[in-house]
Amino acid sequence: RAALTDFDRFKLRKARQIRNKLRTQAFVVLKRKVRKAKSNKAAKKPAKK
């Protein structure tokens, strides 16, 4: 990394930001699916007597 120019470091930083954004978006989608599945499961359970 010592041989990198400022522009090379900038490109690396931007690439990292893009990767993190994609990863975060995928995580949010999965989290949303889990939350929806849990709410559906709770709604389907009959009330205990």
PDB file of N, CA and C in Angstrom:
ATOM      1  N   ARG A   1       0.815  -1.209   0.000  1.00  0.00           N
ATOM      2  CA  ARG A   1       0.000   0.000   0.000  1.00  0.00           C
ATOM      3  C   ARG A   1       0.850   1.261   0.000  1.00  0.00           C
ATOM      4  N   ALA A   2       2.076   1.128   0.386  1.00  0.00           N
ATOM      5  CA  ALA A   2       2.944   2.305   0.413  1.00  0.00           C
ATOM      6  C   ALA A   2       3.174   2.847  -0.990  1.00  0.00           C
ATOM      7  N   ALA A   3       3.088   1.976  -1.995  1.00  0.00           N
ATOM      8  CA  ALA A   3       3.349   2.401  -3.368  1.00  0.00           C
ATOM      9  C   ALA A   3       2.109   2.995  -4.041  1.00  0.00           C
ATOM     10  N   LEU A   4       0.969   2.974  -3.365  1.00  0.00           N
ATOM     11  CA  LEU A   4      -0.260   3.481  -3.971  1.00  0.00           C
ATOM     12  C   LEU A   4      -0.258   5.001  -4.040  1.00  0.00           C
ATOM     13  N   THR A   5      -0.851   5.508  -5.093  1.00  0.00           N
ATOM     14  CA  THR A   5      -1.016   6.958  -5.216  1.00  0.00           C
ATOM     15  C   THR A   5      -2.295   7.354  -4.485  1.00  0.00           C
ATOM     16  N   ASP A   6      -2.503   8.643  -4.351  1.00  0.00           N
ATOM     17  CA  ASP A   6      -3.727   9.123  -3.713  1.00  0.00           C
ATOM     18  C   ASP A   6      -4.957   8.636  -4.475  1.00  0.00           C
ATOM     19  N   PHE A   7      -4.855   8.673  -5.799  1.00  0.00           N
ATOM     20  CA  PHE A   7      -5.997   8.252  -6.609  1.00  0.00           C
ATOM     21  C   PHE A   7      -6.269   6.760  -6.443  1.00  0.00           C
ATOM     22  N   ASP A   8      -5.217   5.951  -6.331  1.00  0.00           N
ATOM     23  CA  ASP A   8      -5.393   4.514  -6.105  1.00  0.00           C
ATOM     24  C   ASP A   8      -6.083   4.267  -4.766  1.00  0.00           C
ATOM     25  N   ARG A   9      -5.679   5.001  -3.749  1.00  0.00           N
ATOM     26  CA  ARG A   9      -6.314   4.860  -2.431  1.00  0.00           C
ATOM     27  C   ARG A   9      -7.778   5.284  -2.503  1.00  0.00           C
ATOM     28  N   PHE A  10      -8.043   6.341  -3.268  1.00  0.00           N
ATOM     29  CA  PHE A  10      -9.412   6.813  -3.449  1.00  0.00           C
ATOM     30  C   PHE A  10     -10.262   5.723  -4.116  1.00  0.00           C
ATOM     31  N   LYS A  11      -9.729   5.103  -5.168  1.00  0.00           N
ATOM     32  CA  LYS A  11     -10.471   4.053  -5.873  1.00  0.00           C
ATOM     33  C   LYS A  11     -10.735   2.867  -4.951  1.00  0.00           C
ATOM     34  N   LEU A  12      -9.747   2.508  -4.138  1.00  0.00           N
ATOM     35  CA  LEU A  12      -9.941   1.410  -3.188  1.00  0.00           C
ATOM     36  C   LEU A  12     -11.043   1.741  -2.185  1.00  0.00           C
ATOM     37  N   ARG A  13     -11.026   2.973  -1.699  1.00  0.00           N
ATOM     38  CA  ARG A  13     -12.036   3.385  -0.722  1.00  0.00           C
ATOM     39  C   ARG A  13     -13.431   3.341  -1.335  1.00  0.00           C
ATOM     40  N   LYS A  14     -13.563   3.821  -2.561  1.00  0.00           N
ATOM     41  CA  LYS A  14     -14.868   3.815  -3.217  1.00  0.00           C
ATOM     42  C   LYS A  14     -15.341   2.379  -3.478  1.00  0.00           C
ATOM     43  N   ALA A  15     -14.423   1.505  -3.889  1.00  0.00           N
ATOM     44  CA  ALA A  15     -14.784   0.107  -4.131  1.00  0.00           C
ATOM     45  C   ALA A  15     -15.252  -0.545  -2.832  1.00  0.00           C
ATOM     46  N   ARG A  16     -14.574  -0.228  -1.742  1.00  0.00           N
ATOM     47  CA  ARG A  16     -14.961  -0.787  -0.444  1.00  0.00           C
ATOM     48  C   ARG A  16     -16.344  -0.289  -0.040  1.00  0.00           C
ATOM     49  N   GLN A  17     -16.620   0.992  -0.280  1.00  0.00           N
ATOM     50  CA  GLN A  17     -17.932   1.538   0.054  1.00  0.00           C
ATOM     51  C   GLN A  17     -19.029   0.838  -0.740  1.00  0.00           C
ATOM     52  N   ILE A  18     -18.769   0.583  -2.019  1.00  0.00           N
ATOM     53  CA  ILE A  18     -19.761  -0.090  -2.862  1.00  0.00           C
ATOM     54  C   ILE A  18     -20.001  -1.512  -2.363  1.00  0.00           C
ATOM     55  N   ARG A  19     -18.916  -2.235  -2.049  1.00  0.00           N
ATOM     56  CA  ARG A  19     -19.058  -3.605  -1.527  1.00  0.00           C
ATOM     57  C   ARG A  19     -19.869  -3.608  -0.239  1.00  0.00           C
ATOM     58  N   ASN A  20     -19.559  -2.682   0.658  1.00  0.00           N
ATOM     59  CA  ASN A  20     -20.271  -2.630   1.934  1.00  0.00           C
ATOM     60  C   ASN A  20     -21.742  -2.296   1.734  1.00  0.00           C
ATOM     61  N   LYS A  21     -22.033  -1.419   0.782  1.00  0.00           N
ATOM     62  CA  LYS A  21     -23.419  -1.050   0.532  1.00  0.00           C
ATOM     63  C   LYS A  21     -24.203  -2.252   0.013  1.00  0.00           C
ATOM     64  N   LEU A  22     -23.608  -3.012  -0.911  1.00  0.00           N
ATOM     65  CA  LEU A  22     -24.273  -4.210  -1.435  1.00  0.00           C
ATOM     66  C   LEU A  22     -24.501  -5.234  -0.331  1.00  0.00           C
ATOM     67  N   ARG A  23     -23.496  -5.429   0.514  1.00  0.00           N
ATOM     68  CA  ARG A  23     -23.596  -6.389   1.613  1.00  0.00           C
ATOM     69  C   ARG A  23     -24.698  -5.965   2.577  1.00  0.00           C
ATOM     70  N   THR A  24     -24.739  -4.689   2.898  1.00  0.00           N
ATOM     71  CA  THR A  24     -25.741  -4.186   3.831  1.00  0.00           C
ATOM     72  C   THR A  24     -27.144  -4.330   3.254  1.00  0.00           C
ATOM     73  N   GLN A  25     -27.307  -4.028   1.973  1.00  0.00           N
ATOM     74  CA  GLN A  25     -28.620  -4.171   1.346  1.00  0.00           C
ATOM     75  C   GLN A  25     -29.082  -5.621   1.368  1.00  0.00           C
ATOM     76  N   ALA A  26     -28.178  -6.552   1.097  1.00  0.00           N
ATOM     77  CA  ALA A  26     -28.528  -7.975   1.124  1.00  0.00           C
ATOM     78  C   ALA A  26     -28.929  -8.392   2.540  1.00  0.00           C
ATOM     79  N   PHE A  27     -28.217  -7.888   3.537  1.00  0.00           N
ATOM     80  CA  PHE A  27     -28.526  -8.209   4.927  1.00  0.00           C
ATOM     81  C   PHE A  27     -29.911  -7.694   5.311  1.00  0.00           C
ATOM     82  N   VAL A  28     -30.231  -6.479   4.885  1.00  0.00           N
ATOM     83  CA  VAL A  28     -31.531  -5.891   5.216  1.00  0.00           C
ATOM     84  C   VAL A  28     -32.659  -6.705   4.584  1.00  0.00           C
ATOM     85  N   VAL A  29     -32.451  -7.157   3.354  1.00  0.00           N
ATOM     86  CA  VAL A  29     -33.463  -7.973   2.681  1.00  0.00           C
ATOM     87  C   VAL A  29     -33.692  -9.265   3.462  1.00  0.00           C
ATOM     88  N   LEU A  30     -32.607  -9.926   3.871  1.00  0.00           N
ATOM     89  CA  LEU A  30     -32.747 -11.168   4.639  1.00  0.00           C
ATOM     90  C   LEU A  30     -33.418 -10.912   5.986  1.00  0.00           C
ATOM     91  N   LYS A  31     -33.038  -9.830   6.624  1.00  0.00           N
ATOM     92  CA  LYS A  31     -33.612  -9.484   7.923  1.00  0.00           C
ATOM     93  C   LYS A  31     -35.117  -9.247   7.792  1.00  0.00           C
ATOM     94  N   ARG A  32     -35.503  -8.576   6.712  1.00  0.00           N
ATOM     95  CA  ARG A  32     -36.912  -8.303   6.463  1.00  0.00           C
ATOM     96  C   ARG A  32     -37.680  -9.611   6.255  1.00  0.00           C
ATOM     97  N   LYS A  33     -37.085 -10.560   5.517  1.00  0.00           N
ATOM     98  CA  LYS A  33     -37.737 -11.850   5.281  1.00  0.00           C
ATOM     99  C   LYS A  33     -37.963 -12.586   6.593  1.00  0.00           C
ATOM    100  N   VAL A  34     -36.954 -12.565   7.461  1.00  0.00           N
ATOM    101  CA  VAL A  34     -37.066 -13.249   8.750  1.00  0.00           C
ATOM    102  C   VAL A  34     -38.164 -12.609   9.591  1.00  0.00           C
ATOM    103  N   ARG A  35     -38.190 -11.294   9.613  1.00  0.00           N
ATOM    104  CA  ARG A  35     -39.201 -10.597  10.410  1.00  0.00           C
ATOM    105  C   ARG A  35     -40.599 -10.913   9.884  1.00  0.00           C
ATOM    106  N   LYS A  36     -40.748 -10.953   8.558  1.00  0.00           N
ATOM    107  CA  LYS A  36     -42.043 -11.246   7.966  1.00  0.00           C
ATOM    108  C   LYS A  36     -42.458 -12.679   8.284  1.00  0.00           C
ATOM    109  N   ALA A  37     -41.510 -13.604   8.216  1.00  0.00           N
ATOM    110  CA  ALA A  37     -41.805 -15.006   8.520  1.00  0.00           C
ATOM    111  C   ALA A  37     -42.230 -15.159   9.977  1.00  0.00           C
ATOM    112  N   LYS A  38     -41.556 -14.448  10.871  1.00  0.00           N
ATOM    113  CA  LYS A  38     -41.910 -14.529  12.293  1.00  0.00           C
ATOM    114  C   LYS A  38     -43.310 -13.979  12.530  1.00  0.00           C
ATOM    115  N   SER A  39     -43.652 -12.858  11.889  1.00  0.00           N
ATOM    116  CA  SER A  39     -44.967 -12.265  12.104  1.00  0.00           C
ATOM    117  C   SER A  39     -46.058 -13.158  11.523  1.00  0.00           C
ATOM    118  N   ASN A  40     -45.778 -13.812  10.403  1.00  0.00           N
ATOM    119  CA  ASN A  40     -46.760 -14.738   9.828  1.00  0.00           C
ATOM    120  C   ASN A  40     -46.952 -15.946  10.728  1.00  0.00           C
ATOM    121  N   LYS A  41     -45.866 -16.431  11.314  1.00  0.00           N
ATOM    122  CA  LYS A  41     -45.933 -17.594  12.198  1.00  0.00           C
ATOM    123  C   LYS A  41     -46.763 -17.253  13.438  1.00  0.00           C
ATOM    124  N   ALA A  42     -46.566 -16.066  13.982  1.00  0.00           N
ATOM    125  CA  ALA A  42     -47.306 -15.653  15.167  1.00  0.00           C
ATOM    126  C   ALA A  42     -48.784 -15.462  14.837  1.00  0.00           C
ATOM    127  N   ALA A  43     -49.086 -14.986  13.665  1.00  0.00           N
ATOM    128  CA  ALA A  43     -50.476 -14.754  13.278  1.00  0.00           C
ATOM    129  C   ALA A  43     -51.214 -16.071  13.034  1.00  0.00           C
ATOM    130  N   LYS A  44     -50.515 -17.100  12.588  1.00  0.00           N
ATOM    131  CA  LYS A  44     -51.148 -18.377  12.271  1.00  0.00           C
ATOM    132  C   LYS A  44     -51.434 -19.218  13.510  1.00  0.00           C
ATOM    133  N   LYS A  45     -50.698 -18.978  14.611  1.00  0.00           N
ATOM    134  CA  LYS A  45     -50.902 -19.776  15.823  1.00  0.00           C
ATOM    135  C   LYS A  45     -52.276 -19.477  16.422  1.00  0.00           C
ATOM    136  N   PRO A  46     -53.030 -20.506  16.757  1.00  0.00           N
ATOM    137  CA  PRO A  46     -54.316 -20.267  17.416  1.00  0.00           C
ATOM    138  C   PRO A  46     -54.084 -19.850  18.873  1.00  0.00           C
ATOM    139  N   ALA A  47     -55.014 -19.125  19.405  1.00  0.00           N
ATOM    140  CA  ALA A  47     -54.893 -18.669  20.783  1.00  0.00           C
ATOM    141  C   ALA A  47     -55.038 -19.855  21.734  1.00  0.00           C
ATOM    142  N   LYS A  48     -54.230 -19.869  22.792  1.00  0.00           N
ATOM    143  CA  LYS A  48     -54.315 -20.943  23.792  1.00  0.00           C
ATOM    144  C   LYS A  48     -55.527 -20.719  24.680  1.00  0.00           C
ATOM    145  N   LYS A  49     -56.128 -21.829  25.086  1.00  0.00           N
ATOM    146  CA  LYS A  49     -57.309 -21.731  25.960  1.00  0.00           C
ATOM    147  C   LYS A  49     -56.952 -22.001  27.392  1.00  0.00           C
TER     148      LYS A  49
END
